[in-house]
Protein backbone atom coordinates (compact mmCIF):
# COMPACT_ATOMS: atom_id res chain seq x y z
CA ILE A 1 15.77 -2.99 -10.00
CA CYS A 2 15.44 -1.00 -13.31
CA PHE A 3 11.43 -0.52 -12.97
CA SER A 4 11.87 0.42 -8.96
CA ALA A 5 14.58 2.94 -10.01
CA MET A 6 12.66 4.29 -12.86
CA ALA A 7 9.64 4.44 -10.67
CA VAL A 8 11.45 6.90 -8.10
CA TYR A 9 12.61 8.97 -10.85
CA ALA A 10 9.29 9.56 -12.23
CA HIS A 11 7.92 10.24 -8.66
CA LEU A 12 9.86 10.19 -5.65
CA TYR A 13 7.01 8.87 -3.50
CA PHE A 14 7.71 5.55 -5.19
CA ALA A 15 10.49 5.37 -2.66
CA PHE A 16 7.86 4.72 0.02
CA PHE A 17 6.68 1.56 -1.99
CA ILE A 18 10.06 0.31 -2.31
CA VAL A 19 10.94 0.81 1.55
CA ALA A 20 7.47 -1.50 2.04
CA GLN A 21 8.84 -3.99 -0.27
CA TRP A 22 12.27 -3.91 1.47
CA ILE A 23 10.31 -4.37 5.08
CA VAL A 24 8.47 -7.21 3.55
CA ALA A 25 11.39 -8.95 2.11
CA ARG A 26 12.79 -8.97 5.22
CA LEU A 27 9.95 -10.92 6.76
CA TYR A 28 10.40 -13.73 4.26
CA ASP A 29 12.04 -16.97 5.37
CA ARG A 30 15.89 -16.31 4.96
CA LYS A 31 16.60 -19.98 3.91
CA VAL A 32 14.23 -19.46 0.86
CA MET A 33 14.94 -15.98 0.16
CA PRO A 34 17.34 -15.53 -2.75
CA PRO A 35 20.52 -13.68 -1.71
CA ALA A 36 20.62 -11.90 -4.88
CA MET A 37 17.29 -9.93 -3.03
CA THR A 38 19.85 -8.02 -0.70
CA ALA A 39 21.82 -6.94 -3.62
CA ALA A 40 18.88 -5.88 -5.31
CA PHE A 41 17.73 -3.26 -2.70
CA ARG A 42 21.20 -2.15 -2.48
CA TRP A 43 21.61 -1.55 -6.35
CA ILE A 44 18.17 0.37 -6.40
CA GLY A 45 19.65 2.35 -3.49
CA ALA A 46 22.79 3.12 -5.59
CA ILE A 47 20.54 4.36 -8.75
CA THR A 48 18.42 6.23 -6.95
CA PHE A 49 20.78 8.08 -4.86
CA PRO A 50 21.03 11.03 -6.98
CA ALA A 51 17.56 11.40 -6.77
CA PHE A 52 17.65 11.45 -3.07
CA LEU A 53 20.58 13.80 -3.00
CA PHE A 54 18.59 16.36 -5.26
CA ALA A 55 15.65 16.34 -3.39
CA ALA A 56 17.93 17.05 -0.02
CA THR A 57 19.72 19.98 -1.62
CA THR A 58 16.91 21.60 -3.32
CA GLY A 59 14.29 21.04 -0.76
CA VAL A 60 10.52 20.28 -1.46
CA GLY A 61 9.46 23.79 -2.07
CA PRO A 62 6.78 22.71 -4.70
CA LEU A 63 4.95 21.42 -1.63
CA ARG A 64 4.51 24.06 0.38
CA TRP A 65 0.83 24.12 -0.29
CA VAL A 66 0.31 20.76 1.40
CA GLN A 67 -1.37 21.17 4.93
CA ARG A 68 -0.77 19.12 7.85
CA PRO A 69 -3.04 15.87 7.44
CA GLY A 70 -5.76 15.14 10.05
CA ILE A 71 -7.99 12.05 10.59
CA SER A 72 -10.21 13.28 8.06
CA ASP A 73 -7.61 13.11 5.48
CA VAL A 74 -6.84 9.80 6.18
CA TYR A 75 -10.51 8.79 6.15
CA GLY A 76 -10.76 10.96 2.71
CA TYR A 77 -7.75 8.87 1.27
CA TYR A 78 -9.51 5.52 1.73
CA ASP A 79 -12.59 6.84 0.53
CA HIS A 80 -10.94 7.82 -2.69
CA MET A 81 -9.27 4.36 -2.75
CA ALA A 82 -12.72 2.62 -2.24
CA GLY A 83 -14.34 4.62 -5.04
CA ASN A 84 -15.63 7.71 -3.21
CA GLY A 85 -18.96 5.69 -2.25
CA GLY A 86 -18.88 7.18 1.27
CA PRO A 87 -18.47 5.68 4.60
CA TRP A 88 -20.74 2.31 3.74
CA LEU A 89 -18.40 1.66 0.84
CA VAL A 90 -15.20 1.97 2.82
CA ALA A 91 -16.60 -0.34 5.59
CA ALA A 92 -17.92 -2.85 3.25
CA CYS A 93 -14.26 -2.96 1.44
CA PHE A 94 -12.68 -2.95 5.03
CA ILE A 95 -14.97 -6.23 5.82
CA ALA A 96 -13.85 -7.86 2.58
CA ILE A 97 -10.01 -7.28 3.43
CA VAL A 98 -10.86 -8.60 6.93
CA LEU A 99 -12.31 -11.62 5.22
CA ALA A 100 -9.65 -12.07 2.88
CA MET A 101 -7.05 -12.11 6.05
CA GLN A 102 -9.03 -14.67 7.92
CA PRO A 103 -6.84 -17.76 6.59
CA VAL A 104 -3.48 -16.13 7.75
CA ILE A 105 -4.65 -13.96 10.46
CA ARG A 106 -2.50 -15.52 13.07
CA THR A 107 0.57 -15.65 11.08
CA VAL A 108 0.62 -12.09 9.40
CA THR A 109 2.96 -10.63 11.75
CA SER A 110 5.35 -13.51 11.89
CA ARG A 111 9.02 -13.22 10.44
CA ASP A 112 9.43 -17.04 8.81
CA SER A 113 6.12 -17.16 7.38
CA CYS A 114 5.00 -19.58 4.62
CA TRP A 115 4.43 -18.10 1.02
CA ALA A 116 0.69 -17.81 1.41
CA THR A 117 1.10 -15.52 4.25
CA TRP A 118 4.07 -13.55 2.83
CA ARG A 119 1.38 -12.62 -0.20
CA PHE A 120 -0.74 -11.07 2.43
CA GLN A 121 2.13 -9.31 4.07
CA LEU A 122 3.30 -7.98 0.68
CA LEU A 123 -0.15 -6.49 -0.20
CA LEU A 124 -0.91 -5.31 3.23
CA SER A 125 2.63 -3.40 3.56
CA TRP A 126 2.08 -2.12 0.07
CA MET A 127 -1.25 -0.82 1.10
CA PHE A 128 -0.49 0.71 4.40
CA LEU A 129 3.26 1.54 4.91
CA PRO A 130 3.82 4.08 1.93
CA MET A 131 0.70 6.19 3.45
CA ALA A 132 1.97 5.52 7.11
CA LEU A 133 5.30 6.64 6.24
CA VAL A 134 4.11 9.92 4.66
CA LEU A 135 1.93 10.53 7.67
CA LEU A 136 4.97 9.92 9.87
CA LEU A 137 7.14 12.28 7.80
CA SER A 138 4.25 14.78 7.71
CA LEU A 139 4.62 15.48 11.36
CA ALA A 140 7.99 17.00 10.58
CA ARG A 141 7.04 18.45 7.14
CA PRO A 142 3.68 18.04 5.62
CA LEU A 143 3.80 15.79 2.64
CA PHE A 144 0.42 13.81 2.51
CA VAL A 145 -1.17 14.16 -0.80
CA PRO A 146 -3.38 11.34 -1.25
CA ARG A 147 -3.08 11.36 -5.27
CA TYR A 148 0.74 10.74 -5.08
CA LEU A 149 -0.05 7.48 -3.41
CA ILE A 150 -2.53 5.97 -5.91
CA ALA A 151 -0.38 3.02 -6.52
CA CYS A 152 -1.74 1.76 -2.97
CA GLN A 153 -5.05 1.46 -4.57
CA ALA A 154 -4.07 -2.05 -6.77
CA ALA A 155 -3.02 -3.71 -3.07
CA PHE A 156 -6.43 -2.39 -1.85
CA LEU A 157 -8.57 -3.55 -4.43
CA VAL A 158 -6.73 -7.05 -4.64
CA LEU A 159 -7.31 -7.55 -0.81
CA VAL A 160 -11.05 -6.65 -1.24
CA ALA A 161 -11.29 -8.81 -4.32
CA ALA A 162 -9.43 -11.72 -2.38
CA GLY A 163 -12.07 -11.10 0.39
CA VAL A 164 -15.10 -11.39 -1.91
CA CYS A 165 -13.36 -14.93 -3.24
CA ARG A 166 -13.34 -16.28 0.29
CA ILE A 167 -16.96 -16.09 0.31
CA SER A 168 -17.96 -19.91 -0.41
CA ARG A 169 -21.24 -19.72 -2.35
CA THR A 170 -21.35 -18.10 -5.58
CA TRP A 171 -24.72 -16.41 -4.99
CA ALA A 172 -23.26 -14.64 -2.00
CA GLN A 173 -20.03 -13.50 -3.78
CA VAL A 174 -22.45 -12.14 -6.56
CA ALA A 175 -24.51 -10.30 -3.98
CA VAL A 176 -21.64 -8.80 -2.48
CA VAL A 177 -20.12 -7.54 -5.61
CA ALA A 178 -23.43 -6.07 -6.50
CA LEU A 179 -23.71 -4.44 -3.12
CA LEU A 180 -19.89 -2.80 -3.68
CA ALA A 181 -21.03 -1.80 -7.28
CA ILE A 182 -24.18 -0.10 -5.92
CA LEU A 183 -22.29 1.65 -3.02
CA SER A 184 -19.84 2.72 -5.68
CA LEU A 185 -22.65 4.35 -7.75
CA ARG A 186 -22.48 7.48 -5.68
CA GLY A 187 -18.64 7.86 -6.45
């Protein structure tokens, strides 16, 4: 509760990450989820309400320079997350993410999923939802600034690493890591 609230006060865009956490918490099995989880999200909302009230009353004037995002901006965002290595590195990273998702691909959208699936749901929502929410809001008021969403990179890289770990042969893992490193040199 404390760290989530402090993150929102440090930068208002962290609210998008809390929304992603809330959505994934709602996906987890209610019989296993501690009842205090709902209370925790209420506390975060109550503590951060003044920040949102301030933003609502003063407006987002400092973000007037932000342009409406396009497809190239979304690609650029993932290119930055992958290490600025270009389309080959972005493609290699997404292939690794698909590899990581293989054991849970059928259950990743289920509501009452097991712990292994829920971990991937959390990482996927952490990686995609904040950006998707910002893009959605950008339809009304441009807010998409990729560097403000840098916290998504951790989930992106964990999923890439999980994909590399899914490769059964050690020599193949080393080869993939070497390929990713070589593709990263451009960045």
